[in-house]
Amino acid sequence: MQLAWINRKTAPLDASLMGKGQWNSPYQMVIVFFAFFFPILFSNLLFLVLSENTAYLVCTLLGMAGIAAQPLWMRYLYRQVIRKKYDILTNLRDTR
């Protein structure tokens, strides 16, 4: 969802989006890299620093906080997309 208001180009439906980088923006690559590797690195760091039970408790509490905050960030993304709606539509039409 975060990429919905960052993306400025259209892509054919049958295109390989993660292939040779032709449709990827630098922001998309950073977001995907962060979303994939940060949780792994963070949980490994927790297990190195804390005991196993404490690390599991911290991960559980962070997960529950993320689930509870989901309506807030969805509302934020919705407002961003609506605010930039005409710019996004114009850019998507121009790249057809």
Protein backbone atom coordinates (compact mmCIF):
# COMPACT_ATOMS: atom_id res chain seq x y z
CA MET A 1 0.00 0.00 0.00
CA GLN A 2 2.84 2.38 0.74
CA LEU A 3 3.97 2.19 -2.88
CA ALA A 4 0.52 3.28 -4.12
CA TRP A 5 1.32 6.95 -3.66
CA ILE A 6 5.02 6.67 -4.60
CA ASN A 7 4.63 4.86 -7.93
CA ARG A 8 4.44 7.20 -10.92
CA LYS A 9 4.58 4.76 -13.85
CA THR A 10 2.23 2.20 -15.29
CA ALA A 11 3.38 -1.30 -16.13
CA PRO A 12 1.80 -3.86 -18.43
CA LEU A 13 -0.12 -6.52 -16.55
CA ASP A 14 1.98 -9.29 -18.06
CA ALA A 15 5.32 -7.62 -17.22
CA SER A 16 7.76 -9.14 -14.77
CA LEU A 17 7.89 -6.40 -12.15
CA MET A 18 10.88 -7.61 -10.16
CA GLY A 19 12.90 -8.84 -13.12
CA LYS A 20 15.55 -6.65 -14.70
CA GLY A 21 14.67 -3.48 -12.84
CA GLN A 22 12.96 -1.82 -15.80
CA TRP A 23 9.82 -0.91 -13.84
CA ASN A 24 11.31 -0.58 -10.38
CA SER A 25 11.86 2.79 -8.77
CA PRO A 26 14.68 3.29 -6.28
CA TYR A 27 12.11 3.89 -3.55
CA GLN A 28 10.45 0.55 -4.27
CA MET A 29 13.74 -1.29 -4.02
CA VAL A 30 14.59 0.37 -0.68
CA ILE A 31 11.15 -0.32 0.77
CA VAL A 32 11.20 -3.96 -0.31
CA PHE A 33 14.73 -4.42 1.03
CA PHE A 34 13.81 -2.79 4.35
CA ALA A 35 10.52 -4.69 4.71
CA PHE A 36 12.21 -8.02 4.04
CA PHE A 37 15.47 -7.75 5.95
CA PHE A 38 14.73 -5.45 8.90
CA PRO A 39 12.46 -7.89 10.82
CA ILE A 40 15.01 -10.69 10.39
CA LEU A 41 17.89 -8.54 11.58
CA PHE A 42 15.88 -7.05 14.44
CA SER A 43 14.70 -10.42 15.76
CA ASN A 44 18.22 -11.88 15.53
CA LEU A 45 19.55 -8.87 17.44
CA LEU A 46 16.88 -9.37 20.12
CA PHE A 47 17.82 -13.02 20.52
CA LEU A 48 21.48 -12.09 20.88
CA VAL A 49 20.87 -9.36 23.47
CA LEU A 50 17.95 -10.76 25.47
CA SER A 51 16.99 -14.18 26.77
CA GLU A 52 14.83 -16.33 24.51
CA ASN A 53 11.56 -15.82 26.43
CA THR A 54 12.09 -12.05 26.68
CA ALA A 55 12.89 -11.81 22.98
CA TYR A 56 9.70 -13.71 22.12
CA LEU A 57 7.73 -11.42 24.44
CA VAL A 58 9.17 -8.29 22.78
CA CYS A 59 8.40 -9.67 19.31
CA THR A 60 4.84 -10.52 20.40
CA LEU A 61 4.25 -7.07 21.88
CA LEU A 62 5.62 -5.34 18.79
CA GLY A 63 3.41 -7.51 16.57
CA MET A 64 0.33 -6.74 18.66
CA ALA A 65 1.16 -3.01 18.53
CA GLY A 66 1.45 -3.24 14.73
CA ILE A 67 -1.89 -4.99 14.48
CA ALA A 68 -3.52 -2.39 16.75
CA ALA A 69 -1.99 0.49 14.74
CA GLN A 70 -3.12 -0.90 11.37
CA PRO A 71 -6.24 1.31 11.12
CA LEU A 72 -4.10 4.39 11.79
CA TRP A 73 -1.58 3.77 9.02
CA MET A 74 -4.29 2.69 6.59
CA ARG A 75 -6.08 5.98 7.26
CA TYR A 76 -2.80 7.84 6.73
CA LEU A 77 -2.17 6.09 3.40
CA TYR A 78 -5.74 6.75 2.29
CA ARG A 79 -5.34 10.46 3.02
CA GLN A 80 -2.04 10.57 1.13
CA VAL A 81 -3.53 8.88 -1.93
CA ILE A 82 -6.63 11.09 -1.93
CA ARG A 83 -4.54 14.23 -1.49
CA LYS A 84 -2.34 13.33 -4.47
CA LYS A 85 -5.07 11.61 -6.48
CA TYR A 86 -5.01 13.89 -9.51
CA ASP A 87 -1.20 13.98 -9.70
CA ILE A 88 -1.05 10.19 -9.52
CA LEU A 89 -3.74 9.75 -12.19
CA THR A 90 -2.07 12.28 -14.49
CA ASN A 91 1.31 10.61 -14.17
CA LEU A 92 -0.15 7.14 -14.72
CA ARG A 93 -2.01 8.35 -17.86
CA ASP A 94 1.14 10.01 -19.23
CA THR A 95 3.21 6.82 -18.95
CA ARG A 96 0.84 4.62 -20.94
